Amino acid sequence: MTRISDKTFKSAIVGVGAAGGKPGSPTGGGFGIGHVHAKVYNRSENFELVAAADVNAENLGYFQSQFDGVAGYPSLEVMLAEVKPDVVSLCTYVGLHLPMIETCIKAGVRAILCEKPFVKSPEELARLRELVADSDVEMMVPHFRRYLPAFQKAREIYSSGRIGKRLMVTAAIGDEWDLSEWGSHWLDMFRFFHDDAMPANVLGQARVRGRRGFGHAMEDHAVAYLIFPDGGRASLETGPAYLQGGANMVLTGTEGAIHISKEADLKIYSKDGLEEERHSDNHDWIGAWVAMVDTLAQWLSDGTSPDLGFAHVSGTAEVNLGCYMSMIKGDRIDFPMQLDWPEWPVEELARRQKV
């Protein structure tokens, strides 16, 4: 949250979200994530939010009423023709991301903050890697939770050997969420707790029926099991319930464990007994976002690679897709993933239920 350079970088948002603060749902969307991006840019000392685009005039008008001085446009193309932002936030559904990224790159946008899921298929991911290799663009996915104090402290302890060797990171997400729209956060955190390494492989299974949300098929219940090169494991369950005891995540070592709740409070069990840390009383979500986007400002200023830059987030997208491809293939998926698949994988799983 500090000034990085003399220059303030211009930002713009595509897909502002529902008007009037309507509540969202896993299948209905309407979270207004564009409003979160706007709050982040306004709070950072390194960005100026100058424009927003949305095909829905009502949503766009409401957004402009909440954020003074932001020019509104009916499409990304019109916005980029009139405004030259340094950074564009893509807050749209996954099926729209790749063509919008291509449009931004052609228009000379220097950096893109893209909501998750990042891309819809292994084929798209391969195409995106080619696009980035042939351009000077940097891209980030907002896996901001690595900037929250509780997770940073948990990583420090887990990697230090204080609770022994790393054994298992366990997480679960209820409220009918899936492995991608929400679960991708935890997949990134699994990497965070294993020194940002890619897992060696993943096994996945899911129950898929007729649910749809955010423009694509969604599973009802899923489990993904990952093995990392150092032997550490990670398990993510989505769909029907959370972990017991209010836990977001539990990290288990050979000599202890770390219990994270409210994404803020820690219980650390070690040979020294129980230690507790509470951060929920001053939980600062937007502050974590700002810390994240300021690393993008640093890159724009001097070329310092952000830890959530494209080299990293493309790997997390590959892990996300690999979970689903394991379900399709009925087999373990090893990384790097050697597969071509042209569509969102859950669409194939949904079709199989109708046969």
Protein backbone atom coordinates (compact mmCIF):
# COMPACT_ATOMS: atom_id res chain seq x y z
CA MET A 1 0.00 0.00 0.00
CA THR A 2 2.94 2.28 -0.65
CA ARG A 3 3.86 4.42 -3.59
CA ILE A 4 6.09 2.47 -5.96
CA SER A 5 7.05 5.08 -8.56
CA ASP A 6 6.24 8.61 -9.69
CA LYS A 7 3.84 7.22 -12.28
CA THR A 8 0.25 6.29 -11.52
CA PHE A 9 -0.90 3.49 -13.80
CA LYS A 10 -4.27 3.66 -15.53
CA SER A 11 -6.62 0.73 -14.95
CA ALA A 12 -9.89 -0.35 -16.53
CA ILE A 13 -12.46 -3.05 -15.81
CA VAL A 14 -14.49 -5.30 -18.13
CA GLY A 15 -17.59 -6.92 -16.63
CA VAL A 16 -18.67 -4.80 -13.66
CA GLY A 17 -21.22 -7.22 -12.17
CA ALA A 18 -24.81 -6.91 -11.05
CA ALA A 19 -26.34 -3.56 -10.16
CA GLY A 20 -27.54 -2.73 -6.67
CA GLY A 21 -25.36 -5.14 -4.78
CA LYS A 22 -27.58 -8.13 -5.56
CA PRO A 23 -26.47 -11.28 -3.73
CA GLY A 24 -24.72 -13.91 -5.80
CA SER A 25 -24.82 -17.68 -5.76
CA PRO A 26 -22.64 -20.51 -7.09
CA THR A 27 -25.07 -21.14 -9.93
CA GLY A 28 -26.52 -17.68 -10.46
CA GLY A 29 -23.42 -15.51 -10.53
CA GLY A 30 -24.08 -11.86 -9.79
CA PHE A 31 -21.21 -11.33 -7.40
CA GLY A 32 -20.21 -7.96 -8.75
CA ILE A 33 -16.53 -8.90 -8.62
CA GLY A 34 -15.83 -5.87 -10.79
CA HIS A 35 -16.78 -3.70 -7.79
CA VAL A 36 -14.08 -5.43 -5.75
CA HIS A 37 -11.48 -4.71 -8.44
CA ALA A 38 -12.57 -1.07 -8.44
CA LYS A 39 -12.21 -0.76 -4.66
CA VAL A 40 -8.74 -2.26 -4.91
CA TYR A 41 -7.57 0.12 -7.63
CA ASN A 42 -9.00 3.08 -5.72
CA ARG A 43 -7.26 2.08 -2.50
CA SER A 44 -3.88 1.43 -4.09
CA GLU A 45 -1.61 4.45 -4.40
CA ASN A 46 -0.28 3.13 -7.71
CA PHE A 47 -3.40 2.96 -9.88
CA GLU A 48 -6.12 5.24 -11.19
CA LEU A 49 -9.37 3.61 -12.30
CA VAL A 50 -10.30 5.44 -15.50
CA ALA A 51 -12.82 3.27 -17.38
CA ALA A 52 -15.21 0.32 -17.29
CA ALA A 53 -17.02 -1.68 -19.96
CA ASP A 54 -20.13 -3.85 -19.76
CA VAL A 55 -22.76 -4.97 -22.26
CA ASN A 56 -25.43 -4.42 -19.58
CA ALA A 57 -26.20 -0.69 -19.44
CA GLU A 58 -28.00 -0.94 -16.09
CA ASN A 59 -25.06 -2.66 -14.42
CA LEU A 60 -22.63 -0.20 -15.95
CA GLY A 61 -24.68 2.82 -14.87
CA TYR A 62 -24.89 1.58 -11.31
CA PHE A 63 -21.13 0.94 -11.26
CA GLN A 64 -20.44 4.49 -12.45
CA SER A 65 -22.71 5.85 -9.71
CA GLN A 66 -20.53 4.08 -7.14
CA PHE A 67 -17.15 5.09 -8.55
CA ASP A 68 -16.86 8.73 -9.54
CA GLY A 69 -15.01 9.76 -12.66
CA VAL A 70 -15.04 6.36 -14.36
CA ALA A 71 -15.90 6.52 -18.06
CA GLY A 72 -18.36 3.84 -19.23
CA TYR A 73 -18.30 1.89 -22.49
CA PRO A 74 -20.56 -0.76 -24.05
CA SER A 75 -17.72 -3.12 -24.97
CA LEU A 76 -14.05 -3.85 -24.46
CA GLU A 77 -13.29 -2.93 -28.06
CA VAL A 78 -14.90 0.52 -27.81
CA MET A 79 -13.17 1.17 -24.49
CA LEU A 80 -9.72 0.26 -25.80
CA ALA A 81 -10.26 2.41 -28.88
CA GLU A 82 -10.78 5.49 -26.70
CA VAL A 83 -8.75 4.72 -23.57
CA LYS A 84 -5.19 3.42 -23.29
CA PRO A 85 -5.12 1.68 -19.90
CA ASP A 86 -1.94 0.12 -18.56
CA VAL A 87 -3.93 -2.64 -16.84
CA VAL A 88 -7.27 -4.23 -17.71
CA SER A 89 -9.24 -6.37 -15.25
CA LEU A 90 -11.27 -9.11 -16.92
CA CYS A 91 -14.18 -9.86 -14.59
CA THR A 92 -16.17 -11.96 -17.06
CA TYR A 93 -16.97 -15.65 -17.37
CA VAL A 94 -14.20 -18.08 -18.31
CA GLY A 95 -15.46 -18.69 -21.87
CA LEU A 96 -14.88 -15.01 -22.72
CA HIS A 97 -11.36 -14.69 -21.35
CA LEU A 98 -9.15 -15.84 -24.23
CA PRO A 99 -10.67 -13.63 -26.95
CA MET A 100 -10.64 -10.66 -24.57
CA ILE A 101 -6.98 -11.32 -23.72
CA GLU A 102 -6.16 -11.40 -27.43
CA THR A 103 -8.00 -8.11 -27.92
CA CYS A 104 -6.10 -6.49 -25.05
CA ILE A 105 -2.73 -7.71 -26.33
CA LYS A 106 -3.43 -6.39 -29.82
CA ALA A 107 -4.41 -3.02 -28.33
CA GLY A 108 -1.11 -2.76 -26.47
CA VAL A 109 -2.39 -3.32 -22.92
CA ARG A 110 0.66 -4.00 -20.77
CA ALA A 111 -0.89 -6.07 -17.99
CA ILE A 112 -4.08 -8.06 -17.44
CA LEU A 113 -5.70 -9.05 -14.13
CA CYS A 114 -7.98 -11.94 -15.09
CA GLU A 115 -10.56 -13.55 -12.85
CA LYS A 116 -10.60 -17.29 -12.38
CA PRO A 117 -11.12 -19.79 -13.88
CA PHE A 118 -8.40 -18.49 -16.18
CA VAL A 119 -9.03 -20.54 -19.34
CA LYS A 120 -11.65 -23.12 -20.23
CA SER A 121 -9.54 -25.95 -21.69
CA PRO A 122 -6.04 -27.40 -22.10
CA GLU A 123 -6.20 -26.29 -25.74
CA GLU A 124 -6.87 -22.69 -24.68
CA LEU A 125 -4.08 -22.81 -22.13
CA ALA A 126 -1.61 -23.88 -24.81
CA ARG A 127 -2.81 -21.07 -27.07
CA LEU A 128 -2.52 -18.54 -24.25
CA ARG A 129 1.04 -19.60 -23.49
CA GLU A 130 1.92 -19.00 -27.14
CA LEU A 131 0.30 -15.55 -27.05
CA VAL A 132 2.22 -14.50 -23.96
CA ALA A 133 5.51 -15.86 -25.29
CA ASP A 134 5.06 -13.70 -28.40
CA SER A 135 4.19 -10.52 -26.49
CA ASP A 136 5.38 -8.31 -23.64
CA VAL A 137 2.20 -8.64 -21.61
CA GLU A 138 2.09 -9.76 -17.97
CA MET A 139 -0.96 -11.52 -16.56
CA MET A 140 -2.16 -12.20 -13.05
CA VAL A 141 -5.04 -14.16 -11.53
CA PRO A 142 -6.25 -12.73 -8.18
CA HIS A 143 -5.31 -15.57 -5.85
CA PHE A 144 -4.92 -12.93 -3.18
CA ARG A 145 -5.21 -15.22 -0.16
CA ARG A 146 -1.45 -15.75 -0.12
CA TYR A 147 -1.22 -12.13 1.08
CA LEU A 148 -3.39 -12.71 4.15
CA PRO A 149 -1.34 -12.82 7.41
CA ALA A 150 -2.72 -16.16 8.62
CA PHE A 151 -1.73 -17.99 5.44
CA GLN A 152 1.68 -16.35 5.34
CA LYS A 153 2.36 -17.41 8.94
CA ALA A 154 1.09 -20.93 8.25
CA ARG A 155 3.43 -21.23 5.28
CA GLU A 156 6.38 -20.04 7.34
CA ILE A 157 5.69 -22.68 10.01
CA TYR A 158 4.86 -25.49 7.58
CA SER A 159 8.06 -25.04 5.58
CA SER A 160 10.31 -24.44 8.61
CA GLY A 161 10.07 -27.98 10.00
CA ARG A 162 8.52 -26.77 13.23
CA ILE A 163 5.72 -29.35 12.89
CA GLY A 164 7.98 -31.85 11.16
CA LYS A 165 8.01 -32.84 7.53
CA ARG A 166 5.09 -31.79 5.36
CA LEU A 167 2.49 -34.53 5.08
CA MET A 168 -0.94 -33.24 4.03
CA VAL A 169 -2.85 -30.04 3.38
CA THR A 170 -6.60 -30.62 3.58
CA ALA A 171 -9.34 -28.20 2.53
CA ALA A 172 -13.06 -28.35 1.76
CA ILE A 173 -15.54 -25.85 0.36
CA GLY A 174 -19.27 -26.04 0.93
CA ASP A 175 -22.18 -23.96 -0.37
CA GLU A 176 -22.18 -26.01 -3.59
CA TRP A 177 -19.00 -24.42 -4.90
CA ASP A 178 -16.78 -26.19 -7.42
CA LEU A 179 -13.09 -26.82 -8.09
CA SER A 180 -12.72 -23.84 -10.37
CA GLU A 181 -14.84 -20.79 -9.54
CA TRP A 182 -13.84 -21.04 -5.87
CA GLY A 183 -11.67 -24.13 -5.55
CA SER A 184 -8.92 -22.63 -7.70
CA HIS A 185 -8.06 -20.42 -4.71
CA TRP A 186 -7.24 -23.48 -2.62
CA LEU A 187 -5.35 -25.15 -5.47
CA ASP A 188 -3.12 -22.09 -5.58
CA MET A 189 -2.73 -22.19 -1.79
CA PHE A 190 -1.67 -25.84 -2.01
CA ARG A 191 1.17 -24.70 -4.26
CA PHE A 192 1.90 -21.79 -1.90
CA PHE A 193 2.37 -24.22 1.00
CA HIS A 194 4.75 -26.34 -1.12
CA ASP A 195 7.13 -23.52 -2.09
CA ASP A 196 5.01 -22.71 -5.17
CA ALA A 197 6.03 -25.98 -6.81
CA MET A 198 3.81 -27.65 -9.37
CA PRO A 199 2.37 -30.93 -8.12
CA ALA A 200 3.76 -34.05 -9.71
CA ASN A 201 0.27 -35.41 -10.40
CA VAL A 202 -3.42 -35.32 -9.51
CA LEU A 203 -6.27 -37.80 -9.18
CA GLY A 204 -9.80 -36.44 -9.39
CA GLN A 205 -13.38 -37.65 -9.22
CA ALA A 206 -16.72 -35.86 -9.36
CA ARG A 207 -20.48 -36.26 -9.28
CA VAL A 208 -21.93 -34.26 -12.19
CA ARG A 209 -25.62 -33.84 -12.96
CA GLY A 210 -27.34 -30.86 -14.51
CA ARG A 211 -25.94 -27.89 -12.60
CA ARG A 212 -24.74 -24.88 -14.54
CA GLY A 213 -23.29 -21.57 -13.43
CA PHE A 214 -21.06 -18.80 -14.73
CA GLY A 215 -21.70 -19.96 -18.28
CA HIS A 216 -20.54 -23.57 -17.88
CA ALA A 217 -21.37 -26.99 -16.44
CA MET A 218 -20.53 -27.39 -12.73
CA GLU A 219 -20.02 -30.49 -10.63
CA ASP A 220 -22.18 -31.20 -7.58
CA HIS A 221 -19.42 -32.85 -5.56
CA ALA A 222 -15.73 -33.30 -6.33
CA VAL A 223 -12.48 -34.45 -4.79
CA ALA A 224 -8.96 -33.75 -6.03
CA TYR A 225 -5.87 -35.42 -4.55
CA LEU A 226 -2.45 -34.00 -5.38
CA ILE A 227 1.09 -35.25 -4.75
CA PHE A 228 3.98 -32.79 -4.72
CA PRO A 229 7.59 -33.53 -5.67
CA ASP A 230 8.74 -33.41 -2.02
CA GLY A 231 6.19 -36.10 -1.11
CA GLY A 232 3.68 -33.71 0.45
CA ARG A 233 0.03 -34.34 -0.33
CA ALA A 234 -3.01 -32.08 -0.67
CA SER A 235 -6.71 -32.88 -0.79
CA LEU A 236 -9.60 -30.64 -1.83
CA GLU A 237 -13.28 -31.52 -1.54
CA THR A 238 -16.00 -29.26 -2.91
CA GLY A 239 -19.76 -29.35 -2.89
CA PRO A 240 -21.73 -30.53 0.11
CA ALA A 241 -19.90 -29.35 3.23
CA TYR A 242 -16.95 -27.62 4.87
CA LEU A 243 -14.35 -29.17 7.14
CA GLN A 244 -15.48 -29.78 10.71
CA GLY A 245 -14.80 -27.36 13.53
CA GLY A 246 -14.99 -24.28 11.35
CA ALA A 247 -11.68 -25.05 9.62
CA ASN A 248 -10.84 -23.59 6.24
CA MET A 249 -7.71 -25.67 5.97
CA VAL A 250 -5.61 -28.06 8.05
CA LEU A 251 -1.89 -28.55 7.46
CA THR A 252 -0.49 -31.75 8.95
CA GLY A 253 3.17 -32.51 9.55
CA THR A 254 4.96 -35.47 11.08
CA GLU A 255 5.15 -33.68 14.46
CA GLY A 256 2.10 -31.43 14.59
CA ALA A 257 -0.60 -29.55 12.72
CA ILE A 258 -1.90 -26.08 11.83
CA HIS A 259 -5.64 -25.35 11.92
CA ILE A 260 -6.78 -22.27 9.97
CA SER A 261 -10.26 -20.84 10.52
CA LYS A 262 -12.04 -17.72 9.22
CA GLU A 263 -9.06 -17.48 6.86
CA ALA A 264 -7.53 -15.47 9.68
CA ASP A 265 -7.10 -17.44 12.92
CA LEU A 266 -4.47 -20.09 13.60
CA LYS A 267 -4.14 -22.95 16.06
CA ILE A 268 -0.63 -24.38 15.93
CA TYR A 269 -0.13 -27.80 17.50
CA SER A 270 3.52 -28.74 17.98
CA LYS A 271 5.82 -30.45 20.48
CA ASP A 272 5.77 -27.12 22.36
CA GLY A 273 2.02 -27.38 22.91
CA LEU A 274 -0.81 -25.26 21.51
CA GLU A 275 -0.22 -21.74 20.23
CA GLU A 276 -3.01 -19.51 18.91
CA GLU A 277 -2.91 -16.45 16.66
CA ARG A 278 -5.96 -14.34 15.84
CA HIS A 279 -6.14 -12.03 12.86
CA SER A 280 -9.93 -12.02 12.40
CA ASP A 281 -10.38 -8.90 14.50
CA ASN A 282 -8.48 -6.84 11.91
CA HIS A 283 -9.11 -8.93 8.80
CA ASP A 284 -8.32 -6.79 5.76
CA TRP A 285 -9.47 -8.46 2.54
CA ILE A 286 -9.01 -5.41 0.34
CA GLY A 287 -5.58 -4.81 1.86
CA ALA A 288 -4.51 -8.29 0.71
CA TRP A 289 -5.80 -7.49 -2.79
CA VAL A 290 -3.87 -4.22 -2.81
CA ALA A 291 -0.67 -5.98 -1.76
CA MET A 292 -1.23 -8.32 -4.70
CA VAL A 293 -1.93 -5.68 -7.39
CA ASP A 294 0.93 -3.53 -6.16
CA THR A 295 3.28 -6.32 -7.27
CA LEU A 296 1.82 -5.76 -10.73
CA ALA A 297 2.54 -2.05 -10.38
CA GLN A 298 6.12 -2.98 -9.45
CA TRP A 299 6.40 -5.01 -12.65
CA LEU A 300 5.02 -2.10 -14.68
CA SER A 301 7.55 0.18 -13.02
CA ASP A 302 10.77 -1.82 -13.15
CA GLY A 303 10.08 -5.29 -14.58
CA THR A 304 10.23 -7.18 -11.27
CA SER A 305 8.28 -10.40 -11.86
CA PRO A 306 5.24 -10.75 -9.56
CA ASP A 307 4.87 -14.02 -7.69
CA LEU A 308 1.39 -14.34 -9.20
CA GLY A 309 2.58 -13.50 -12.70
CA PHE A 310 1.73 -15.55 -15.76
CA ALA A 311 4.54 -18.07 -15.26
CA HIS A 312 2.88 -19.07 -11.99
CA VAL A 313 -0.84 -18.65 -12.63
CA SER A 314 -0.71 -20.57 -15.90
CA GLY A 315 0.60 -23.50 -13.86
CA THR A 316 -2.28 -23.23 -11.38
CA ALA A 317 -4.71 -23.15 -14.32
CA GLU A 318 -3.07 -26.34 -15.58
CA VAL A 319 -3.56 -27.97 -12.17
CA ASN A 320 -7.22 -26.90 -12.17
CA LEU A 321 -7.81 -28.36 -15.62
CA GLY A 322 -5.80 -31.46 -14.70
CA CYS A 323 -8.23 -32.23 -11.86
CA TYR A 324 -11.07 -32.41 -14.37
CA MET A 325 -9.07 -34.23 -17.04
CA SER A 326 -8.34 -36.95 -14.49
CA MET A 327 -12.09 -37.41 -14.12
CA ILE A 328 -12.55 -37.63 -17.89
CA LYS A 329 -9.67 -40.06 -18.42
CA GLY A 330 -10.35 -42.13 -15.32
CA ASP A 331 -6.64 -41.98 -14.63
CA ARG A 332 -3.96 -40.01 -12.84
CA ILE A 333 -2.78 -36.90 -14.66
CA ASP A 334 0.94 -36.18 -14.49
CA PHE A 335 2.34 -32.66 -14.85
CA PRO A 336 3.22 -31.11 -17.17
CA MET A 337 -0.06 -32.21 -18.72
CA GLN A 338 0.27 -33.76 -22.17
CA LEU A 339 -3.32 -33.44 -23.35
CA ASP A 340 -5.34 -31.64 -26.00
CA TRP A 341 -8.95 -30.92 -25.06
CA PRO A 342 -11.00 -28.16 -26.71
CA GLU A 343 -13.77 -27.38 -24.19
CA TRP A 344 -14.54 -26.93 -20.52
CA PRO A 345 -14.00 -30.53 -19.27
CA VAL A 346 -17.10 -30.64 -17.06
CA GLU A 347 -19.25 -30.35 -20.20
CA GLU A 348 -18.08 -33.83 -21.18
CA LEU A 349 -18.78 -35.16 -17.70
CA ALA A 350 -22.30 -33.67 -17.88
CA ARG A 351 -22.95 -35.28 -21.26
CA ARG A 352 -22.00 -38.69 -19.89
CA GLN A 353 -24.77 -38.44 -17.33
CA LYS A 354 -27.35 -38.07 -20.11
CA VAL A 355 -26.34 -41.16 -22.05
